[in-house]
PDB file of N, CA and C in Angstrom:
ATOM      1  N   UNK A   1      12.460 -69.777 -13.441  1.00  0.00           N
ATOM      2  CA  UNK A   1      11.535 -70.889 -13.515  1.00  0.00           C
ATOM      3  C   UNK A   1      12.286 -72.180 -13.262  1.00  0.00           C
ATOM      4  N   UNK A   2      11.619 -73.144 -12.734  1.00  0.00           N
ATOM      5  CA  UNK A   2      12.243 -74.436 -12.491  1.00  0.00           C
ATOM      6  C   UNK A   2      12.551 -75.109 -13.829  1.00  0.00           C
ATOM      7  N   UNK A   3      13.414 -76.081 -13.754  1.00  0.00           N
ATOM      8  CA  UNK A   3      13.740 -76.906 -14.916  1.00  0.00           C
ATOM      9  C   UNK A   3      12.932 -78.189 -14.785  1.00  0.00           C
ATOM     10  N   UNK A   4      12.551 -78.765 -15.899  1.00  0.00           N
ATOM     11  CA  UNK A   4      11.856 -80.056 -15.890  1.00  0.00           C
ATOM     12  C   UNK A   4      12.598 -81.014 -16.807  1.00  0.00           C
ATOM     13  N   UNK A   5      12.385 -82.280 -16.614  1.00  0.00           N
ATOM     14  CA  UNK A   5      12.971 -83.309 -17.473  1.00  0.00           C
ATOM     15  C   UNK A   5      11.831 -83.913 -18.271  1.00  0.00           C
ATOM     16  N   UNK A   6      11.988 -83.961 -19.578  1.00  0.00           N
ATOM     17  CA  UNK A   6      10.920 -84.479 -20.433  1.00  0.00           C
ATOM     18  C   UNK A   6      10.973 -85.998 -20.530  1.00  0.00           C
ATOM     19  N   UNK A   7       9.917 -86.554 -21.073  1.00  0.00           N
ATOM     20  CA  UNK A   7       9.795 -88.012 -21.171  1.00  0.00           C
ATOM     21  C   UNK A   7      10.789 -88.646 -22.141  1.00  0.00           C
ATOM     22  N   UNK A   8      11.527 -87.829 -22.867  1.00  0.00           N
ATOM     23  CA  UNK A   8      12.556 -88.377 -23.753  1.00  0.00           C
ATOM     24  C   UNK A   8      13.839 -88.718 -23.001  1.00  0.00           C
ATOM     25  N   UNK A   9      13.844 -88.541 -21.680  1.00  0.00           N
ATOM     26  CA  UNK A   9      15.000 -88.846 -20.826  1.00  0.00           C
ATOM     27  C   UNK A   9      15.440 -90.296 -21.054  1.00  0.00           C
ATOM     28  N   UNK A  10      16.749 -90.511 -21.164  1.00  0.00           N
ATOM     29  CA  UNK A  10      17.290 -91.855 -21.378  1.00  0.00           C
ATOM     30  C   UNK A  10      17.789 -92.482 -20.070  1.00  0.00           C
ATOM     31  N   UNK A  11      17.529 -91.841 -18.952  1.00  0.00           N
ATOM     32  CA  UNK A  11      17.893 -92.355 -17.635  1.00  0.00           C
ATOM     33  C   UNK A  11      19.387 -92.601 -17.467  1.00  0.00           C
ATOM     34  N   UNK A  12      20.198 -91.717 -18.013  1.00  0.00           N
ATOM     35  CA  UNK A  12      21.649 -91.879 -17.886  1.00  0.00           C
ATOM     36  C   UNK A  12      22.140 -91.450 -16.504  1.00  0.00           C
ATOM     37  N   UNK A  13      21.388 -90.560 -15.837  1.00  0.00           N
ATOM     38  CA  UNK A  13      21.745 -90.117 -14.502  1.00  0.00           C
ATOM     39  C   UNK A  13      22.805 -89.031 -14.442  1.00  0.00           C
ATOM     40  N   UNK A  14      23.221 -88.490 -15.572  1.00  0.00           N
ATOM     41  CA  UNK A  14      24.271 -87.460 -15.583  1.00  0.00           C
ATOM     42  C   UNK A  14      23.850 -86.210 -14.820  1.00  0.00           C
ATOM     43  N   UNK A  15      22.588 -85.897 -14.810  1.00  0.00           N
ATOM     44  CA  UNK A  15      22.085 -84.674 -14.181  1.00  0.00           C
ATOM     45  C   UNK A  15      22.084 -84.718 -12.663  1.00  0.00           C
ATOM     46  N   UNK A  16      21.750 -85.854 -12.099  1.00  0.00           N
ATOM     47  CA  UNK A  16      21.522 -85.945 -10.653  1.00  0.00           C
ATOM     48  C   UNK A  16      22.686 -85.441  -9.803  1.00  0.00           C
ATOM     49  N   UNK A  17      23.920 -85.882 -10.031  1.00  0.00           N
ATOM     50  CA  UNK A  17      25.007 -85.415  -9.150  1.00  0.00           C
ATOM     51  C   UNK A  17      25.398 -83.959  -9.373  1.00  0.00           C
ATOM     52  N   UNK A  18      24.929 -83.345 -10.450  1.00  0.00           N
ATOM     53  CA  UNK A  18      25.276 -81.949 -10.752  1.00  0.00           C
ATOM     54  C   UNK A  18      24.402 -80.949 -10.017  1.00  0.00           C
ATOM     55  N   UNK A  19      23.279 -81.383  -9.485  1.00  0.00           N
ATOM     56  CA  UNK A  19      22.322 -80.473  -8.865  1.00  0.00           C
ATOM     57  C   UNK A  19      22.787 -80.046  -7.470  1.00  0.00           C
ATOM     58  N   UNK A  20      23.011 -78.747  -7.261  1.00  0.00           N
ATOM     59  CA  UNK A  20      23.471 -78.284  -5.952  1.00  0.00           C
ATOM     60  C   UNK A  20      22.381 -78.318  -4.872  1.00  0.00           C
ATOM     61  N   UNK A  21      21.143 -78.531  -5.267  1.00  0.00           N
ATOM     62  CA  UNK A  21      20.026 -78.528  -4.323  1.00  0.00           C
ATOM     63  C   UNK A  21      19.419 -79.913  -4.104  1.00  0.00           C
ATOM     64  N   UNK A  22      20.008 -80.929  -4.695  1.00  0.00           N
ATOM     65  CA  UNK A  22      19.450 -82.284  -4.600  1.00  0.00           C
ATOM     66  C   UNK A  22      17.979 -82.302  -5.011  1.00  0.00           C
ATOM     67  N   UNK A  23      17.696 -81.630  -6.119  1.00  0.00           N
ATOM     68  CA  UNK A  23      16.322 -81.531  -6.609  1.00  0.00           C
ATOM     69  C   UNK A  23      15.977 -82.604  -7.630  1.00  0.00           C
ATOM     70  N   UNK A  24      16.963 -83.395  -8.055  1.00  0.00           N
ATOM     71  CA  UNK A  24      16.746 -84.378  -9.109  1.00  0.00           C
ATOM     72  C   UNK A  24      16.715 -85.777  -8.518  1.00  0.00           C
ATOM     73  N   UNK A  25      15.694 -86.533  -8.904  1.00  0.00           N
ATOM     74  CA  UNK A  25      15.495 -87.884  -8.389  1.00  0.00           C
ATOM     75  C   UNK A  25      15.308 -88.870  -9.534  1.00  0.00           C
ATOM     76  N   UNK A  26      15.757 -90.084  -9.309  1.00  0.00           N
ATOM     77  CA  UNK A  26      15.547 -91.156 -10.280  1.00  0.00           C
ATOM     78  C   UNK A  26      14.063 -91.517 -10.308  1.00  0.00           C
ATOM     79  N   UNK A  27      13.570 -91.893 -11.452  1.00  0.00           N
ATOM     80  CA  UNK A  27      12.172 -92.266 -11.586  1.00  0.00           C
ATOM     81  C   UNK A  27      11.743 -93.284 -10.547  1.00  0.00           C
ATOM     82  N   UNK A  28      10.578 -93.051  -9.954  1.00  0.00           N
ATOM     83  CA  UNK A  28      10.036 -93.959  -8.968  1.00  0.00           C
ATOM     84  C   UNK A  28      10.554 -93.757  -7.560  1.00  0.00           C
ATOM     85  N   UNK A  29      11.515 -92.852  -7.379  1.00  0.00           N
ATOM     86  CA  UNK A  29      12.099 -92.599  -6.069  1.00  0.00           C
ATOM     87  C   UNK A  29      11.273 -91.567  -5.307  1.00  0.00           C
ATOM     88  N   UNK A  30      11.081 -91.798  -4.005  1.00  0.00           N
ATOM     89  CA  UNK A  30      10.424 -90.800  -3.172  1.00  0.00           C
ATOM     90  C   UNK A  30      11.351 -89.603  -3.031  1.00  0.00           C
ATOM     91  N   UNK A  31      10.798 -88.415  -2.844  1.00  0.00           N
ATOM     92  CA  UNK A  31      11.609 -87.210  -2.689  1.00  0.00           C
ATOM     93  C   UNK A  31      11.355 -86.589  -1.332  1.00  0.00           C
ATOM     94  N   UNK A  32      12.302 -85.763  -0.901  1.00  0.00           N
ATOM     95  CA  UNK A  32      12.158 -85.153   0.416  1.00  0.00           C
ATOM     96  C   UNK A  32      12.484 -83.670   0.377  1.00  0.00           C
ATOM     97  N   UNK A  33      11.909 -82.960   1.349  1.00  0.00           N
ATOM     98  CA  UNK A  33      12.135 -81.533   1.500  1.00  0.00           C
ATOM     99  C   UNK A  33      11.965 -81.195   2.978  1.00  0.00           C
ATOM    100  N   UNK A  34      12.956 -80.547   3.550  1.00  0.00           N
ATOM    101  CA  UNK A  34      12.924 -80.134   4.957  1.00  0.00           C
ATOM    102  C   UNK A  34      12.620 -81.299   5.892  1.00  0.00           C
ATOM    103  N   UNK A  35      13.198 -82.449   5.583  1.00  0.00           N
ATOM    104  CA  UNK A  35      13.053 -83.612   6.448  1.00  0.00           C
ATOM    105  C   UNK A  35      11.762 -84.387   6.273  1.00  0.00           C
ATOM    106  N   UNK A  36      10.922 -83.991   5.326  1.00  0.00           N
ATOM    107  CA  UNK A  36       9.664 -84.685   5.069  1.00  0.00           C
ATOM    108  C   UNK A  36       9.787 -85.427   3.737  1.00  0.00           C
ATOM    109  N   UNK A  37       9.387 -86.694   3.729  1.00  0.00           N
ATOM    110  CA  UNK A  37       9.430 -87.499   2.506  1.00  0.00           C
ATOM    111  C   UNK A  37       8.056 -87.516   1.868  1.00  0.00           C
ATOM    112  N   UNK A  38       8.048 -87.374   0.557  1.00  0.00           N
ATOM    113  CA  UNK A  38       6.801 -87.305  -0.203  1.00  0.00           C
ATOM    114  C   UNK A  38       6.724 -88.446  -1.199  1.00  0.00           C
ATOM    115  N   UNK A  39       5.510 -88.897  -1.476  1.00  0.00           N
ATOM    116  CA  UNK A  39       5.280 -89.936  -2.468  1.00  0.00           C
ATOM    117  C   UNK A  39       4.970 -89.341  -3.825  1.00  0.00           C
ATOM    118  N   UNK A  40       4.765 -90.199  -4.774  1.00  0.00           N
ATOM    119  CA  UNK A  40       4.556 -89.752  -6.153  1.00  0.00           C
ATOM    120  C   UNK A  40       3.205 -89.070  -6.367  1.00  0.00           C
ATOM    121  N   UNK A  41       2.230 -89.356  -5.532  1.00  0.00           N
ATOM    122  CA  UNK A  41       0.890 -88.789  -5.722  1.00  0.00           C
ATOM    123  C   UNK A  41       0.673 -87.504  -4.926  1.00  0.00           C
ATOM    124  N   UNK A  42       1.586 -87.185  -4.014  1.00  0.00           N
ATOM    125  CA  UNK A  42       1.406 -86.011  -3.170  1.00  0.00           C
ATOM    126  C   UNK A  42       1.869 -84.750  -3.883  1.00  0.00           C
ATOM    127  N   UNK A  43       1.206 -83.647  -3.584  1.00  0.00           N
ATOM    128  CA  UNK A  43       1.664 -82.381  -4.138  1.00  0.00           C
ATOM    129  C   UNK A  43       2.721 -81.791  -3.216  1.00  0.00           C
ATOM    130  N   UNK A  44       3.555 -80.951  -3.773  1.00  0.00           N
ATOM    131  CA  UNK A  44       4.631 -80.298  -3.032  1.00  0.00           C
ATOM    132  C   UNK A  44       4.057 -79.196  -2.146  1.00  0.00           C
ATOM    133  N   UNK A  45       4.820 -78.733  -1.162  1.00  0.00           N
ATOM    134  CA  UNK A  45       4.344 -77.636  -0.315  1.00  0.00           C
ATOM    135  C   UNK A  45       3.900 -76.403  -1.100  1.00  0.00           C
ATOM    136  N   UNK A  46       4.524 -76.147  -2.250  1.00  0.00           N
ATOM    137  CA  UNK A  46       4.150 -74.989  -3.070  1.00  0.00           C
ATOM    138  C   UNK A  46       2.841 -75.202  -3.821  1.00  0.00           C
ATOM    139  N   UNK A  47       2.352 -76.436  -3.824  1.00  0.00           N
ATOM    140  CA  UNK A  47       1.159 -76.764  -4.596  1.00  0.00           C
ATOM    141  C   UNK A  47       1.486 -77.441  -5.917  1.00  0.00           C
ATOM    142  N   UNK A  48       2.769 -77.539  -6.239  1.00  0.00           N
ATOM    143  CA  UNK A  48       3.174 -78.212  -7.476  1.00  0.00           C
ATOM    144  C   UNK A  48       2.749 -79.678  -7.424  1.00  0.00           C
ATOM    145  N   UNK A  49       2.294 -80.176  -8.556  1.00  0.00           N
ATOM    146  CA  UNK A  49       1.908 -81.582  -8.631  1.00  0.00           C
ATOM    147  C   UNK A  49       2.162 -82.101 -10.033  1.00  0.00           C
ATOM    148  N   UNK A  50       2.082 -83.392 -10.179  1.00  0.00           N
ATOM    149  CA  UNK A  50       2.278 -84.068 -11.466  1.00  0.00           C
ATOM    150  C   UNK A  50       3.675 -83.866 -12.046  1.00  0.00           C
ATOM    151  N   UNK A  51       4.682 -83.727 -11.219  1.00  0.00           N
ATOM    152  CA  UNK A  51       6.054 -83.587 -11.712  1.00  0.00           C
ATOM    153  C   UNK A  51       6.871 -84.852 -11.473  1.00  0.00           C
ATOM    154  N   UNK A  52       6.382 -85.753 -10.632  1.00  0.00           N
ATOM    155  CA  UNK A  52       7.096 -86.985 -10.328  1.00  0.00           C
ATOM    156  C   UNK A  52       6.897 -87.976 -11.465  1.00  0.00           C
ATOM    157  N   UNK A  53       7.962 -88.650 -11.846  1.00  0.00           N
ATOM    158  CA  UNK A  53       7.878 -89.672 -12.880  1.00  0.00           C
ATOM    159  C   UNK A  53       8.238 -91.029 -12.289  1.00  0.00           C
ATOM    160  N   UNK A  54       7.537 -92.009 -12.684  1.00  0.00           N
ATOM    161  CA  UNK A  54       7.869 -93.383 -12.300  1.00  0.00           C
ATOM    162  C   UNK A  54       8.875 -93.979 -13.282  1.00  0.00           C
ATOM    163  N   UNK A  55       9.024 -93.365 -14.455  1.00  0.00           N
ATOM    164  CA  UNK A  55       9.795 -93.964 -15.545  1.00  0.00           C
ATOM    165  C   UNK A  55      11.142 -93.327 -15.834  1.00  0.00           C
ATOM    166  N   UNK A  56      11.319 -92.065 -15.487  1.00  0.00           N
ATOM    167  CA  UNK A  56      12.571 -91.378 -15.800  1.00  0.00           C
ATOM    168  C   UNK A  56      12.863 -90.338 -14.714  1.00  0.00           C
ATOM    169  N   UNK A  57      14.079 -89.822 -14.719  1.00  0.00           N
ATOM    170  CA  UNK A  57      14.481 -88.833 -13.720  1.00  0.00           C
ATOM    171  C   UNK A  57      13.513 -87.654 -13.742  1.00  0.00           C
ATOM    172  N   UNK A  58      13.331 -87.040 -12.582  1.00  0.00           N
ATOM    173  CA  UNK A  58      12.445 -85.880 -12.480  1.00  0.00           C
ATOM    174  C   UNK A  58      13.054 -84.841 -11.543  1.00  0.00           C
ATOM    175  N   UNK A  59      12.585 -83.601 -11.663  1.00  0.00           N
ATOM    176  CA  UNK A  59      13.066 -82.485 -10.848  1.00  0.00           C
ATOM    177  C   UNK A  59      11.919 -81.965  -9.987  1.00  0.00           C
ATOM    178  N   UNK A  60      12.180 -81.799  -8.695  1.00  0.00           N
ATOM    179  CA  UNK A  60      11.187 -81.259  -7.765  1.00  0.00           C
ATOM    180  C   UNK A  60      11.202 -79.732  -7.895  1.00  0.00           C
ATOM    181  N   UNK A  61      10.121 -79.124  -8.367  1.00  0.00           N
ATOM    182  CA  UNK A  61      10.092 -77.669  -8.566  1.00  0.00           C
ATOM    183  C   UNK A  61      10.397 -76.869  -7.301  1.00  0.00           C
ATOM    184  N   UNK A  62       9.984 -77.371  -6.147  1.00  0.00           N
ATOM    185  CA  UNK A  62      10.215 -76.661  -4.886  1.00  0.00           C
ATOM    186  C   UNK A  62      11.693 -76.617  -4.508  1.00  0.00           C
ATOM    187  N   UNK A  63      12.508 -77.434  -5.141  1.00  0.00           N
ATOM    188  CA  UNK A  63      13.934 -77.485  -4.812  1.00  0.00           C
ATOM    189  C   UNK A  63      14.816 -76.951  -5.937  1.00  0.00           C
ATOM    190  N   UNK A  64      14.261 -76.758  -7.121  1.00  0.00           N
ATOM    191  CA  UNK A  64      15.048 -76.295  -8.268  1.00  0.00           C
ATOM    192  C   UNK A  64      15.212 -74.781  -8.233  1.00  0.00           C
ATOM    193  N   UNK A  65      16.456 -74.331  -8.322  1.00  0.00           N
ATOM    194  CA  UNK A  65      16.746 -72.893  -8.355  1.00  0.00           C
ATOM    195  C   UNK A  65      17.453 -72.503  -9.651  1.00  0.00           C
ATOM    196  N   UNK A  66      17.408 -73.375 -10.653  1.00  0.00           N
ATOM    197  CA  UNK A  66      18.103 -73.140 -11.927  1.00  0.00           C
ATOM    198  C   UNK A  66      19.599 -72.917 -11.705  1.00  0.00           C
ATOM    199  N   UNK A  67      20.099 -73.404 -10.579  1.00  0.00           N
ATOM    200  CA  UNK A  67      21.512 -73.260 -10.175  1.00  0.00           C
ATOM    201  C   UNK A  67      21.899 -71.814  -9.865  1.00  0.00           C
ATOM    202  N   UNK A  68      20.909 -70.918  -9.728  1.00  0.00           N
ATOM    203  CA  UNK A  68      21.182 -69.537  -9.339  1.00  0.00           C
ATOM    204  C   UNK A  68      21.906 -69.562  -7.996  1.00  0.00           C
ATOM    205  N   UNK A  69      22.949 -68.753  -7.889  1.00  0.00           N
ATOM    206  CA  UNK A  69      23.743 -68.706  -6.678  1.00  0.00           C
ATOM    207  C   UNK A  69      24.893 -69.686  -6.672  1.00  0.00           C
ATOM    208  N   UNK A  70      24.892 -70.610  -7.624  1.00  0.00           N
ATOM    209  CA  UNK A  70      25.940 -71.624  -7.705  1.00  0.00           C
ATOM    210  C   UNK A  70      26.682 -71.587  -9.044  1.00  0.00           C
ATOM    211  N   UNK A  71      25.919 -71.505 -10.127  1.00  0.00           N
ATOM    212  CA  UNK A  71      26.485 -71.582 -11.484  1.00  0.00           C
ATOM    213  C   UNK A  71      25.794 -70.562 -12.383  1.00  0.00           C
ATOM    214  N   UNK A  72      26.391 -70.301 -13.531  1.00  0.00           N
ATOM    215  CA  UNK A  72      25.829 -69.349 -14.493  1.00  0.00           C
ATOM    216  C   UNK A  72      24.678 -69.920 -15.307  1.00  0.00           C
ATOM    217  N   UNK A  73      24.546 -71.247 -15.309  1.00  0.00           N
ATOM    218  CA  UNK A  73      23.480 -71.899 -16.065  1.00  0.00           C
ATOM    219  C   UNK A  73      23.068 -73.172 -15.334  1.00  0.00           C
ATOM    220  N   UNK A  74      21.863 -73.663 -15.589  1.00  0.00           N
ATOM    221  CA  UNK A  74      21.444 -74.914 -14.961  1.00  0.00           C
ATOM    222  C   UNK A  74      22.381 -76.055 -15.369  1.00  0.00           C
ATOM    223  N   UNK A  75      22.968 -76.688 -14.385  1.00  0.00           N
ATOM    224  CA  UNK A  75      23.947 -77.728 -14.665  1.00  0.00           C
ATOM    225  C   UNK A  75      23.325 -78.999 -15.223  1.00  0.00           C
ATOM    226  N   UNK A  76      22.094 -79.290 -14.863  1.00  0.00           N
ATOM    227  CA  UNK A  76      21.436 -80.477 -15.426  1.00  0.00           C
ATOM    228  C   UNK A  76      21.347 -80.355 -16.941  1.00  0.00           C
ATOM    229  N   UNK A  77      20.952 -79.169 -17.400  1.00  0.00           N
ATOM    230  CA  UNK A  77      20.839 -78.937 -18.843  1.00  0.00           C
ATOM    231  C   UNK A  77      22.207 -78.953 -19.513  1.00  0.00           C
ATOM    232  N   UNK A  78      23.220 -78.441 -18.813  1.00  0.00           N
ATOM    233  CA  UNK A  78      24.566 -78.378 -19.386  1.00  0.00           C
ATOM    234  C   UNK A  78      25.158 -79.765 -19.615  1.00  0.00           C
ATOM    235  N   UNK A  79      24.830 -80.736 -18.756  1.00  0.00           N
ATOM    236  CA  UNK A  79      25.428 -82.069 -18.886  1.00  0.00           C
ATOM    237  C   UNK A  79      24.528 -83.084 -19.579  1.00  0.00           C
ATOM    238  N   UNK A  80      23.294 -82.740 -19.824  1.00  0.00           N
ATOM    239  CA  UNK A  80      22.352 -83.697 -20.419  1.00  0.00           C
ATOM    240  C   UNK A  80      22.745 -84.020 -21.860  1.00  0.00           C
ATOM    241  N   UNK A  81      22.994 -85.302 -22.156  1.00  0.00           N
ATOM    242  CA  UNK A  81      23.416 -85.665 -23.518  1.00  0.00           C
ATOM    243  C   UNK A  81      22.295 -85.637 -24.553  1.00  0.00           C
ATOM    244  N   UNK A  82      21.039 -85.581 -24.105  1.00  0.00           N
ATOM    245  CA  UNK A  82      19.923 -85.592 -25.047  1.00  0.00           C
ATOM    246  C   UNK A  82      19.032 -84.357 -24.937  1.00  0.00           C
ATOM    247  N   UNK A  83      19.498 -83.344 -24.215  1.00  0.00           N
ATOM    248  CA  UNK A  83      18.802 -82.064 -24.114  1.00  0.00           C
ATOM    249  C   UNK A  83      17.346 -82.175 -23.689  1.00  0.00           C
ATOM    250  N   UNK A  84      17.095 -82.886 -22.586  1.00  0.00           N
ATOM    251  CA  UNK A  84      15.723 -83.015 -22.092  1.00  0.00           C
ATOM    252  C   UNK A  84      15.474 -82.230 -20.808  1.00  0.00           C
ATOM    253  N   UNK A  85      16.466 -81.485 -20.330  1.00  0.00           N
ATOM    254  CA  UNK A  85      16.299 -80.621 -19.158  1.00  0.00           C
ATOM    255  C   UNK A  85      15.949 -79.225 -19.673  1.00  0.00           C
ATOM    256  N   UNK A  86      14.685 -78.864 -19.560  1.00  0.00           N
ATOM    257  CA  UNK A  86      14.164 -77.646 -20.171  1.00  0.00           C
ATOM    258  C   UNK A  86      13.463 -76.762 -19.141  1.00  0.00           C
ATOM    259  N   UNK A  87      13.354 -75.461 -19.416  1.00  0.00           N
ATOM    260  CA  UNK A  87      12.592 -74.581 -18.516  1.00  0.00           C
ATOM    261  C   UNK A  87      11.151 -75.070 -18.383  1.00  0.00           C
ATOM    262  N   UNK A  88      10.615 -74.988 -17.186  1.00  0.00           N
ATOM    263  CA  UNK A  88       9.259 -75.447 -16.909  1.00  0.00           C
ATOM    264  C   UNK A  88       8.322 -74.247 -16.819  1.00  0.00           C
ATOM    265  N   UNK A  89       7.527 -74.003 -17.846  1.00  0.00           N
ATOM    266  CA  UNK A  89       6.635 -72.838 -17.840  1.00  0.00           C
ATOM    267  C   UNK A  89       5.567 -72.898 -16.750  1.00  0.00           C
ATOM    268  N   UNK A  90       5.379 -74.050 -16.121  1.00  0.00           N
ATOM    269  CA  UNK A  90       4.418 -74.195 -15.030  1.00  0.00           C
ATOM    270  C   UNK A  90       4.945 -73.604 -13.722  1.00  0.00           C
ATOM    271  N   UNK A  91       6.282 -73.383 -13.650  1.00  0.00           N
ATOM    272  CA  UNK A  91       6.899 -72.926 -12.404  1.00  0.00           C
ATOM    273  C   UNK A  91       7.873 -71.791 -12.690  1.00  0.00           C
ATOM    274  N   UNK A  92       7.323 -70.613 -12.942  1.00  0.00           N
ATOM    275  CA  UNK A  92       8.119 -69.433 -13.263  1.00  0.00           C
ATOM    276  C   UNK A  92       8.410 -68.658 -11.983  1.00  0.00           C
ATOM    277  N   UNK A  93       9.700 -68.309 -11.774  1.00  0.00           N
ATOM    278  CA  UNK A  93      10.101 -67.559 -10.591  1.00  0.00           C
ATOM    279  C   UNK A  93      11.113 -66.490 -10.987  1.00  0.00           C
ATOM    280  N   UNK A  94      11.100 -65.387 -10.273  1.00  0.00           N
ATOM    281  CA  UNK A  94      12.073 -64.323 -10.512  1.00  0.00           C
ATOM    282  C   UNK A  94      13.419 -64.715  -9.911  1.00  0.00           C
ATOM    283  N   UNK A  95      14.456 -63.990 -10.257  1.00  0.00           N
ATOM    284  CA  UNK A  95      15.780 -64.236  -9.686  1.00  0.00           C
ATOM    285  C   UNK A  95      15.738 -64.085  -8.159  1.00  0.00           C
ATOM    286  N   UNK A  96      15.044 -63.076  -7.660  1.00  0.00           N
ATOM    287  CA  UNK A  96      14.940 -62.888  -6.208  1.00  0.00           C
ATOM    288  C   UNK A  96      14.230 -64.065  -5.538  1.00  0.00           C
ATOM    289  N   UNK A  97      13.185 -64.569  -6.174  1.00  0.00           N
ATOM    290  CA  UNK A  97      12.492 -65.739  -5.623  1.00  0.00           C
ATOM    291  C   UNK A  97      13.411 -66.956  -5.602  1.00  0.00           C
ATOM    292  N   UNK A  98      14.198 -67.119  -6.667  1.00  0.00           N
ATOM    293  CA  UNK A  98      15.141 -68.239  -6.716  1.00  0.00           C
ATOM    294  C   UNK A  98      16.210 -68.098  -5.643  1.00  0.00           C
ATOM    295  N   UNK A  99      16.689 -66.871  -5.420  1.00  0.00           N
ATOM    296  CA  UNK A  99      17.688 -66.651  -4.372  1.00  0.00           C
ATOM    297  C   UNK A  99      17.115 -66.926  -2.982  1.00  0.00           C
ATOM    298  N   UNK A 100      15.866 -66.578  -2.764  1.00  0.00           N
ATOM    299  CA  UNK A 100      15.219 -66.898  -1.489  1.00  0.00           C
ATOM    300  C   UNK A 100      15.155 -68.409  -1.290  1.00  0.00           C
ATOM    301  N   UNK A 101      14.872 -69.120  -2.361  1.00  0.00           N
ATOM    302  CA  UNK A 101      14.812 -70.577  -2.291  1.00  0.00           C
ATOM    303  C   UNK A 101      16.198 -71.156  -1.998  1.00  0.00           C
ATOM    304  N   UNK A 102      17.234 -70.590  -2.608  1.00  0.00           N
ATOM    305  CA  UNK A 102      18.606 -71.025  -2.336  1.00  0.00           C
ATOM    306  C   UNK A 102      18.917 -70.866  -0.852  1.00  0.00           C
ATOM    307  N   UNK A 103      18.564 -69.718  -0.290  1.00  0.00           N
ATOM    308  CA  UNK A 103      18.802 -69.478   1.137  1.00  0.00           C
ATOM    309  C   UNK A 103      18.072 -70.503   2.001  1.00  0.00           C
ATOM    310  N   UNK A 104      16.836 -70.768   1.674  1.00  0.00           N
ATOM    311  CA  UNK A 104      16.045 -71.727   2.442  1.00  0.00           C
ATOM    312  C   UNK A 104      16.622 -73.133   2.347  1.00  0.00           C
ATOM    313  N   UNK A 105      16.929 -73.573   1.134  1.00  0.00           N
ATOM    314  CA  UNK A 105      17.397 -74.940   0.926  1.00  0.00           C
ATOM    315  C   UNK A 105      18.809 -75.182   1.431  1.00  0.00           C
ATOM    316  N   UNK A 106      19.643 -74.181   1.340  1.00  0.00           N
ATOM    317  CA  UNK A 106      21.057 -74.378   1.615  1.00  0.00           C
ATOM    318  C   UNK A 106      21.581 -73.584   2.803  1.00  0.00           C
ATOM    319  N   UNK A 107      20.703 -72.790   3.417  1.00  0.00           N
ATOM    320  CA  UNK A 107      21.071 -71.999   4.585  1.00  0.00           C
ATOM    321  C   UNK A 107      22.319 -71.154   4.331  1.00  0.00           C
ATOM    322  N   UNK A 108      22.323 -70.493   3.159  1.00  0.00           N
ATOM    323  CA  UNK A 108      23.433 -69.588   2.847  1.00  0.00           C
ATOM    324  C   UNK A 108      22.891 -68.188   2.610  1.00  0.00           C
ATOM    325  N   UNK A 109      23.721 -67.209   2.848  1.00  0.00           N
ATOM    326  CA  UNK A 109      23.353 -65.815   2.638  1.00  0.00           C
ATOM    327  C   UNK A 109      23.637 -65.447   1.186  1.00  0.00           C
ATOM    328  N   UNK A 110      22.618 -65.032   0.464  1.00  0.00           N
ATOM    329  CA  UNK A 110      22.786 -64.681  -0.952  1.00  0.00           C
ATOM    330  C   UNK A 110      22.735 -63.167  -1.162  1.00  0.00           C
ATOM    331  N   UNK A 111      22.890 -62.414  -0.115  1.00  0.00           N
ATOM    332  CA  UNK A 111      22.814 -60.946  -0.207  1.00  0.00           C
ATOM    333  C   UNK A 111      23.736 -60.411  -1.289  1.00  0.00           C
ATOM    334  N   UNK A 112      24.950 -60.914  -1.380  1.00  0.00           N
ATOM    335  CA  UNK A 112      25.929 -60.426  -2.358  1.00  0.00           C
ATOM    336  C   UNK A 112      25.501 -60.710  -3.803  1.00  0.00           C
ATOM    337  N   UNK A 113      24.582 -61.654  -4.004  1.00  0.00           N
ATOM    338  CA  UNK A 113      24.141 -62.026  -5.351  1.00  0.00           C
ATOM    339  C   UNK A 113      22.952 -61.196  -5.826  1.00  0.00           C
ATOM    340  N   UNK A 114      22.323 -60.501  -4.926  1.00  0.00           N
ATOM    341  CA  UNK A 114      21.148 -59.694  -5.293  1.00  0.00           C
ATOM    342  C   UNK A 114      21.618 -58.401  -5.925  1.00  0.00           C
ATOM    343  N   UNK A 115      20.893 -57.963  -6.903  1.00  0.00           N
ATOM    344  CA  UNK A 115      21.409 -56.767  -7.485  1.00  0.00           C
ATOM    345  C   UNK A 115      20.514 -55.975  -8.262  1.00  0.00           C
TER     346      UNK A 115
END
């Protein structure tokens, strides 16, 4: 499942540089996927909506892979000083689905990680 950032975020920005998929954006920032830029009111290609925040950092569900293929745990959650990076029950995905997303976003072969 994707990770989300709750409204208790203190906007420290520690999470953003840790994301291997560039899925984390500062509040109010437009986000992009596959060369297309999206606004705060638009839904993602997957149909995800209402995840953009104008006030605090947010994670784009279509780009979040929980760091599968890169790290043993989500790095945003590992570095967050206030523990506001949490699993998002609205966007549940299997490990295989996350690996497919890693391949799409990063153009890498994850065959060795499937098991």
